[in-house]
Amino acid sequence: MALTLGQLRADVADILGEDPEEIPVDENLVDYGLDSVRLMSLAAGWRRDHGVTVEFADLAERPALESWAPLLGITG
């Protein structure tokens, strides 16, 4: 199953204990409490569940949903 922006937002919200609607696509997720351990967990889950290949460093460099979408193969 392909990863979607909605699923990406839901996964991030879940790991941060937030409502998905509270997670903006253009904000730095570190400001919402995302740390390296949580980011590694998210990346591992996306690899396992959706078969995406992405480097942790690429996600950490620009921690915003809109920046991650193309890295994770999400279009549209």
PDB file of N, CA and C in Angstrom:
ATOM      1  N   MET A   1       0.845  -1.184   0.000  1.00  0.00           N
ATOM      2  CA  MET A   1       0.000   0.000   0.000  1.00  0.00           C
ATOM      3  C   MET A   1       0.888   1.244   0.000  1.00  0.00           C
ATOM      4  N   ALA A   2       0.568   2.179  -0.868  1.00  0.00           N
ATOM      5  CA  ALA A   2       1.345   3.406  -0.983  1.00  0.00           C
ATOM      6  C   ALA A   2       1.073   4.326   0.205  1.00  0.00           C
ATOM      7  N   LEU A   3       2.104   5.001   0.612  1.00  0.00           N
ATOM      8  CA  LEU A   3       1.998   5.984   1.678  1.00  0.00           C
ATOM      9  C   LEU A   3       1.365   7.250   1.106  1.00  0.00           C
ATOM     10  N   THR A   4       0.410   7.821   1.828  1.00  0.00           N
ATOM     11  CA  THR A   4      -0.255   9.053   1.404  1.00  0.00           C
ATOM     12  C   THR A   4       0.081  10.171   2.384  1.00  0.00           C
ATOM     13  N   LEU A   5      -0.188  11.393   1.982  1.00  0.00           N
ATOM     14  CA  LEU A   5       0.041  12.528   2.871  1.00  0.00           C
ATOM     15  C   LEU A   5      -0.832  12.410   4.119  1.00  0.00           C
ATOM     16  N   GLY A   6      -2.054  11.932   3.948  1.00  0.00           N
ATOM     17  CA  GLY A   6      -2.939  11.743   5.096  1.00  0.00           C
ATOM     18  C   GLY A   6      -2.395  10.726   6.077  1.00  0.00           C
ATOM     19  N   GLN A   7      -1.853   9.626   5.557  1.00  0.00           N
ATOM     20  CA  GLN A   7      -1.264   8.603   6.428  1.00  0.00           C
ATOM     21  C   GLN A   7      -0.001   9.129   7.096  1.00  0.00           C
ATOM     22  N   LEU A   8       0.785   9.870   6.348  1.00  0.00           N
ATOM     23  CA  LEU A   8       2.002  10.481   6.890  1.00  0.00           C
ATOM     24  C   LEU A   8       1.651  11.382   8.067  1.00  0.00           C
ATOM     25  N   ARG A   9       0.663  12.227   7.866  1.00  0.00           N
ATOM     26  CA  ARG A   9       0.217  13.147   8.925  1.00  0.00           C
ATOM     27  C   ARG A   9      -0.332  12.368  10.124  1.00  0.00           C
ATOM     28  N   ALA A  10      -1.104  11.327   9.860  1.00  0.00           N
ATOM     29  CA  ALA A  10      -1.669  10.515  10.947  1.00  0.00           C
ATOM     30  C   ALA A  10      -0.568   9.813  11.736  1.00  0.00           C
ATOM     31  N   ASP A  11       0.432   9.289  11.043  1.00  0.00           N
ATOM     32  CA  ASP A  11       1.532   8.601  11.721  1.00  0.00           C
ATOM     33  C   ASP A  11       2.318   9.558  12.609  1.00  0.00           C
ATOM     34  N   VAL A  12       2.597  10.746  12.094  1.00  0.00           N
ATOM     35  CA  VAL A  12       3.330  11.747  12.871  1.00  0.00           C
ATOM     36  C   VAL A  12       2.494  12.184  14.077  1.00  0.00           C
ATOM     37  N   ALA A  13       1.220  12.433  13.850  1.00  0.00           N
ATOM     38  CA  ALA A  13       0.340  12.851  14.947  1.00  0.00           C
ATOM     39  C   ALA A  13       0.273  11.777  16.019  1.00  0.00           C
ATOM     40  N   ASP A  14       0.194  10.520  15.599  1.00  0.00           N
ATOM     41  CA  ASP A  14       0.109   9.418  16.548  1.00  0.00           C
ATOM     42  C   ASP A  14       1.350   9.348  17.433  1.00  0.00           C
ATOM     43  N   ILE A  15       2.521   9.463  16.826  1.00  0.00           N
ATOM     44  CA  ILE A  15       3.745   9.336  17.606  1.00  0.00           C
ATOM     45  C   ILE A  15       3.974  10.547  18.516  1.00  0.00           C
ATOM     46  N   LEU A  16       3.346  11.679  18.162  1.00  0.00           N
ATOM     47  CA  LEU A  16       3.472  12.883  18.983  1.00  0.00           C
ATOM     48  C   LEU A  16       2.315  13.052  19.963  1.00  0.00           C
ATOM     49  N   GLY A  17       1.305  12.173  19.858  1.00  0.00           N
ATOM     50  CA  GLY A  17       0.148  12.291  20.739  1.00  0.00           C
ATOM     51  C   GLY A  17      -0.716  13.495  20.418  1.00  0.00           C
ATOM     52  N   GLU A  18      -0.791  13.837  19.137  1.00  0.00           N
ATOM     53  CA  GLU A  18      -1.564  14.995  18.690  1.00  0.00           C
ATOM     54  C   GLU A  18      -2.700  14.545  17.777  1.00  0.00           C
ATOM     55  N   ASP A  19      -3.611  15.452  17.497  1.00  0.00           N
ATOM     56  CA  ASP A  19      -4.654  15.234  16.504  1.00  0.00           C
ATOM     57  C   ASP A  19      -4.033  15.490  15.131  1.00  0.00           C
ATOM     58  N   PRO A  20      -4.292  14.647  14.150  1.00  0.00           N
ATOM     59  CA  PRO A  20      -3.696  14.869  12.822  1.00  0.00           C
ATOM     60  C   PRO A  20      -3.963  16.256  12.249  1.00  0.00           C
ATOM     61  N   GLU A  21      -5.138  16.805  12.515  1.00  0.00           N
ATOM     62  CA  GLU A  21      -5.467  18.139  11.992  1.00  0.00           C
ATOM     63  C   GLU A  21      -4.617  19.233  12.627  1.00  0.00           C
ATOM     64  N   GLU A  22      -3.986  18.928  13.757  1.00  0.00           N
ATOM     65  CA  GLU A  22      -3.137  19.899  14.445  1.00  0.00           C
ATOM     66  C   GLU A  22      -1.706  19.928  13.902  1.00  0.00           C
ATOM     67  N   ILE A  23      -1.397  19.000  12.999  1.00  0.00           N
ATOM     68  CA  ILE A  23      -0.050  18.904  12.444  1.00  0.00           C
ATOM     69  C   ILE A  23      -0.036  19.599  11.083  1.00  0.00           C
ATOM     70  N   PRO A  24       0.548  20.804  10.998  1.00  0.00           N
ATOM     71  CA  PRO A  24       0.587  21.510   9.722  1.00  0.00           C
ATOM     72  C   PRO A  24       1.621  20.891   8.781  1.00  0.00           C
ATOM     73  N   VAL A  25       1.365  20.972   7.489  1.00  0.00           N
ATOM     74  CA  VAL A  25       2.271  20.353   6.523  1.00  0.00           C
ATOM     75  C   VAL A  25       3.555  21.145   6.341  1.00  0.00           C
ATOM     76  N   ASP A  26       3.538  22.420   6.685  1.00  0.00           N
ATOM     77  CA  ASP A  26       4.693  23.270   6.391  1.00  0.00           C
ATOM     78  C   ASP A  26       5.504  23.683   7.612  1.00  0.00           C
ATOM     79  N   GLU A  27       5.184  23.158   8.773  1.00  0.00           N
ATOM     80  CA  GLU A  27       5.891  23.545   9.997  1.00  0.00           C
ATOM     81  C   GLU A  27       7.005  22.567  10.346  1.00  0.00           C
ATOM     82  N   ASN A  28       8.006  23.067  11.030  1.00  0.00           N
ATOM     83  CA  ASN A  28       9.102  22.241  11.531  1.00  0.00           C
ATOM     84  C   ASN A  28       8.560  21.343  12.639  1.00  0.00           C
ATOM     85  N   LEU A  29       8.621  20.040  12.419  1.00  0.00           N
ATOM     86  CA  LEU A  29       8.034  19.094  13.371  1.00  0.00           C
ATOM     87  C   LEU A  29       8.808  18.982  14.677  1.00  0.00           C
ATOM     88  N   VAL A  30      10.027  19.467  14.703  1.00  0.00           N
ATOM     89  CA  VAL A  30      10.794  19.501  15.953  1.00  0.00           C
ATOM     90  C   VAL A  30      10.080  20.417  16.943  1.00  0.00           C
ATOM     91  N   ASP A  31       9.468  21.479  16.432  1.00  0.00           N
ATOM     92  CA  ASP A  31       8.718  22.409  17.284  1.00  0.00           C
ATOM     93  C   ASP A  31       7.495  21.746  17.916  1.00  0.00           C
ATOM     94  N   TYR A  32       7.066  20.618  17.368  1.00  0.00           N
ATOM     95  CA  TYR A  32       5.918  19.872  17.891  1.00  0.00           C
ATOM     96  C   TYR A  32       6.337  18.696  18.757  1.00  0.00           C
ATOM     97  N   GLY A  33       7.649  18.572  18.980  1.00  0.00           N
ATOM     98  CA  GLY A  33       8.140  17.521  19.870  1.00  0.00           C
ATOM     99  C   GLY A  33       8.782  16.334  19.182  1.00  0.00           C
ATOM    100  N   LEU A  34       8.942  16.393  17.858  1.00  0.00           N
ATOM    101  CA  LEU A  34       9.585  15.280  17.161  1.00  0.00           C
ATOM    102  C   LEU A  34      11.078  15.276  17.465  1.00  0.00           C
ATOM    103  N   ASP A  35      11.562  14.152  17.954  1.00  0.00           N
ATOM    104  CA  ASP A  35      12.989  14.003  18.223  1.00  0.00           C
ATOM    105  C   ASP A  35      13.546  12.879  17.369  1.00  0.00           C
ATOM    106  N   SER A  36      14.845  12.659  17.455  1.00  0.00           N
ATOM    107  CA  SER A  36      15.494  11.686  16.573  1.00  0.00           C
ATOM    108  C   SER A  36      14.995  10.263  16.805  1.00  0.00           C
ATOM    109  N   VAL A  37      14.699   9.907  18.030  1.00  0.00           N
ATOM    110  CA  VAL A  37      14.220   8.550  18.322  1.00  0.00           C
ATOM    111  C   VAL A  37      12.858   8.327  17.672  1.00  0.00           C
ATOM    112  N   ARG A  38      11.970   9.293  17.810  1.00  0.00           N
ATOM    113  CA  ARG A  38      10.644   9.179  17.194  1.00  0.00           C
ATOM    114  C   ARG A  38      10.756   9.175  15.668  1.00  0.00           C
ATOM    115  N   LEU A  39      11.657   9.988  15.139  1.00  0.00           N
ATOM    116  CA  LEU A  39      11.838  10.023  13.690  1.00  0.00           C
ATOM    117  C   LEU A  39      12.364   8.689  13.170  1.00  0.00           C
ATOM    118  N   MET A  40      13.296   8.080  13.871  1.00  0.00           N
ATOM    119  CA  MET A  40      13.795   6.769  13.465  1.00  0.00           C
ATOM    120  C   MET A  40      12.681   5.731  13.493  1.00  0.00           C
ATOM    121  N   SER A  41      11.818   5.813  14.495  1.00  0.00           N
ATOM    122  CA  SER A  41      10.693   4.895  14.598  1.00  0.00           C
ATOM    123  C   SER A  41       9.725   5.069  13.433  1.00  0.00           C
ATOM    124  N   LEU A  42       9.429   6.312  13.086  1.00  0.00           N
ATOM    125  CA  LEU A  42       8.551   6.583  11.946  1.00  0.00           C
ATOM    126  C   LEU A  42       9.152   6.021  10.659  1.00  0.00           C
ATOM    127  N   ALA A  43      10.424   6.313  10.422  1.00  0.00           N
ATOM    128  CA  ALA A  43      11.084   5.852   9.195  1.00  0.00           C
ATOM    129  C   ALA A  43      11.090   4.327   9.115  1.00  0.00           C
ATOM    130  N   ALA A  44      11.342   3.671  10.226  1.00  0.00           N
ATOM    131  CA  ALA A  44      11.346   2.201  10.246  1.00  0.00           C
ATOM    132  C   ALA A  44       9.955   1.654   9.915  1.00  0.00           C
ATOM    133  N   GLY A  45       8.926   2.278  10.459  1.00  0.00           N
ATOM    134  CA  GLY A  45       7.554   1.856  10.179  1.00  0.00           C
ATOM    135  C   GLY A  45       7.183   2.057   8.721  1.00  0.00           C
ATOM    136  N   TRP A  46       7.609   3.158   8.135  1.00  0.00           N
ATOM    137  CA  TRP A  46       7.311   3.409   6.724  1.00  0.00           C
ATOM    138  C   TRP A  46       8.044   2.428   5.820  1.00  0.00           C
ATOM    139  N   ARG A  47       9.263   2.092   6.196  1.00  0.00           N
ATOM    140  CA  ARG A  47       9.991   1.074   5.418  1.00  0.00           C
ATOM    141  C   ARG A  47       9.271  -0.264   5.503  1.00  0.00           C
ATOM    142  N   ARG A  48       8.900  -0.641   6.712  1.00  0.00           N
ATOM    143  CA  ARG A  48       8.249  -1.934   6.952  1.00  0.00           C
ATOM    144  C   ARG A  48       6.866  -2.001   6.319  1.00  0.00           C
ATOM    145  N   ASP A  49       6.055  -1.000   6.550  1.00  0.00           N
ATOM    146  CA  ASP A  49       4.646  -1.044   6.148  1.00  0.00           C
ATOM    147  C   ASP A  49       4.383  -0.590   4.710  1.00  0.00           C
ATOM    148  N   HIS A  50       5.263   0.256   4.183  1.00  0.00           N
ATOM    149  CA  HIS A  50       4.997   0.839   2.868  1.00  0.00           C
ATOM    150  C   HIS A  50       6.138   0.623   1.871  1.00  0.00           C
ATOM    151  N   GLY A  51       7.214   0.017   2.313  1.00  0.00           N
ATOM    152  CA  GLY A  51       8.317  -0.285   1.421  1.00  0.00           C
ATOM    153  C   GLY A  51       9.108   0.914   0.924  1.00  0.00           C
ATOM    154  N   VAL A  52       8.978   2.037   1.611  1.00  0.00           N
ATOM    155  CA  VAL A  52       9.734   3.217   1.179  1.00  0.00           C
ATOM    156  C   VAL A  52      11.181   3.109   1.641  1.00  0.00           C
ATOM    157  N   THR A  53      12.048   3.688   0.864  1.00  0.00           N
ATOM    158  CA  THR A  53      13.450   3.744   1.256  1.00  0.00           C
ATOM    159  C   THR A  53      13.828   5.212   1.373  1.00  0.00           C
ATOM    160  N   VAL A  54      14.164   5.596   2.560  1.00  0.00           N
ATOM    161  CA  VAL A  54      14.528   6.986   2.820  1.00  0.00           C
ATOM    162  C   VAL A  54      15.583   6.989   3.915  1.00  0.00           C
ATOM    163  N   GLU A  55      16.495   7.899   3.807  1.00  0.00           N
ATOM    164  CA  GLU A  55      17.551   8.031   4.803  1.00  0.00           C
ATOM    165  C   GLU A  55      17.078   8.915   5.957  1.00  0.00           C
ATOM    166  N   PHE A  56      17.410   8.486   7.156  1.00  0.00           N
ATOM    167  CA  PHE A  56      17.078   9.259   8.351  1.00  0.00           C
ATOM    168  C   PHE A  56      17.598  10.692   8.217  1.00  0.00           C
ATOM    169  N   ALA A  57      18.820  10.846   7.745  1.00  0.00           N
ATOM    170  CA  ALA A  57      19.431  12.178   7.644  1.00  0.00           C
ATOM    171  C   ALA A  57      18.630  13.099   6.729  1.00  0.00           C
ATOM    172  N   ASP A  58      18.070  12.541   5.656  1.00  0.00           N
ATOM    173  CA  ASP A  58      17.270  13.362   4.743  1.00  0.00           C
ATOM    174  C   ASP A  58      15.994  13.857   5.418  1.00  0.00           C
ATOM    175  N   LEU A  59      15.389  13.006   6.225  1.00  0.00           N
ATOM    176  CA  LEU A  59      14.191  13.411   6.963  1.00  0.00           C
ATOM    177  C   LEU A  59      14.543  14.427   8.046  1.00  0.00           C
ATOM    178  N   ALA A  60      15.630  14.190   8.741  1.00  0.00           N
ATOM    179  CA  ALA A  60      16.035  15.073   9.838  1.00  0.00           C
ATOM    180  C   ALA A  60      16.456  16.453   9.332  1.00  0.00           C
ATOM    181  N   GLU A  61      16.976  16.503   8.117  1.00  0.00           N
ATOM    182  CA  GLU A  61      17.455  17.766   7.554  1.00  0.00           C
ATOM    183  C   GLU A  61      16.333  18.775   7.368  1.00  0.00           C
ATOM    184  N   ARG A  62      15.167  18.307   6.952  1.00  0.00           N
ATOM    185  CA  ARG A  62      14.018  19.176   6.712  1.00  0.00           C
ATOM    186  C   ARG A  62      12.778  18.533   7.308  1.00  0.00           C
ATOM    187  N   PRO A  63      12.577  18.665   8.629  1.00  0.00           N
ATOM    188  CA  PRO A  63      11.482  17.966   9.318  1.00  0.00           C
ATOM    189  C   PRO A  63      10.119  18.638   9.173  1.00  0.00           C
ATOM    190  N   ALA A  64       9.579  18.560   7.972  1.00  0.00           N
ATOM    191  CA  ALA A  64       8.227  19.073   7.713  1.00  0.00           C
ATOM    192  C   ALA A  64       7.553  18.101   6.751  1.00  0.00           C
ATOM    193  N   LEU A  65       6.263  17.907   6.910  1.00  0.00           N
ATOM    194  CA  LEU A  65       5.536  16.965   6.068  1.00  0.00           C
ATOM    195  C   LEU A  65       5.688  17.281   4.584  1.00  0.00           C
ATOM    196  N   GLU A  66       5.621  18.562   4.226  1.00  0.00           N
ATOM    197  CA  GLU A  66       5.721  18.933   2.817  1.00  0.00           C
ATOM    198  C   GLU A  66       7.102  18.621   2.244  1.00  0.00           C
ATOM    199  N   SER A  67       8.121  18.612   3.072  1.00  0.00           N
ATOM    200  CA  SER A  67       9.468  18.258   2.626  1.00  0.00           C
ATOM    201  C   SER A  67       9.644  16.748   2.530  1.00  0.00           C
ATOM    202  N   TRP A  68       8.974  16.027   3.396  1.00  0.00           N
ATOM    203  CA  TRP A  68       9.091  14.568   3.416  1.00  0.00           C
ATOM    204  C   TRP A  68       8.313  13.905   2.286  1.00  0.00           C
ATOM    205  N   ALA A  69       7.203  14.491   1.893  1.00  0.00           N
ATOM    206  CA  ALA A  69       6.328  13.842   0.908  1.00  0.00           C
ATOM    207  C   ALA A  69       7.089  13.393  -0.345  1.00  0.00           C
ATOM    208  N   PRO A  70       7.859  14.255  -1.011  1.00  0.00           N
ATOM    209  CA  PRO A  70       8.560  13.794  -2.206  1.00  0.00           C
ATOM    210  C   PRO A  70       9.632  12.738  -1.885  1.00  0.00           C
ATOM    211  N   LEU A  71      10.259  12.845  -0.733  1.00  0.00           N
ATOM    212  CA  LEU A  71      11.266  11.865  -0.338  1.00  0.00           C
ATOM    213  C   LEU A  71      10.651  10.478  -0.141  1.00  0.00           C
ATOM    214  N   LEU A  72       9.383  10.450   0.251  1.00  0.00           N
ATOM    215  CA  LEU A  72       8.682   9.209   0.533  1.00  0.00           C
ATOM    216  C   LEU A  72       7.834   8.732  -0.643  1.00  0.00           C
ATOM    217  N   GLY A  73       7.965   9.413  -1.782  1.00  0.00           N
ATOM    218  CA  GLY A  73       7.247   8.990  -2.975  1.00  0.00           C
ATOM    219  C   GLY A  73       5.792   9.411  -3.017  1.00  0.00           C
ATOM    220  N   ILE A  74       5.434  10.393  -2.208  1.00  0.00           N
ATOM    221  CA  ILE A  74       4.052  10.880  -2.179  1.00  0.00           C
ATOM    222  C   ILE A  74       3.923  12.000  -3.204  1.00  0.00           C
ATOM    223  N   THR A  75       2.976  11.849  -4.098  1.00  0.00           N
ATOM    224  CA  THR A  75       2.738  12.877  -5.108  1.00  0.00           C
ATOM    225  C   THR A  75       1.326  13.431  -4.953  1.00  0.00           C
ATOM    226  N   GLY A  76       1.145  14.610  -5.500  1.00  0.00           N
ATOM    227  CA  GLY A  76      -0.195  15.201  -5.482  1.00  0.00           C
ATOM    228  C   GLY A  76      -0.491  15.869  -4.258  1.00  0.00           C
TER     229      GLY A  76
END
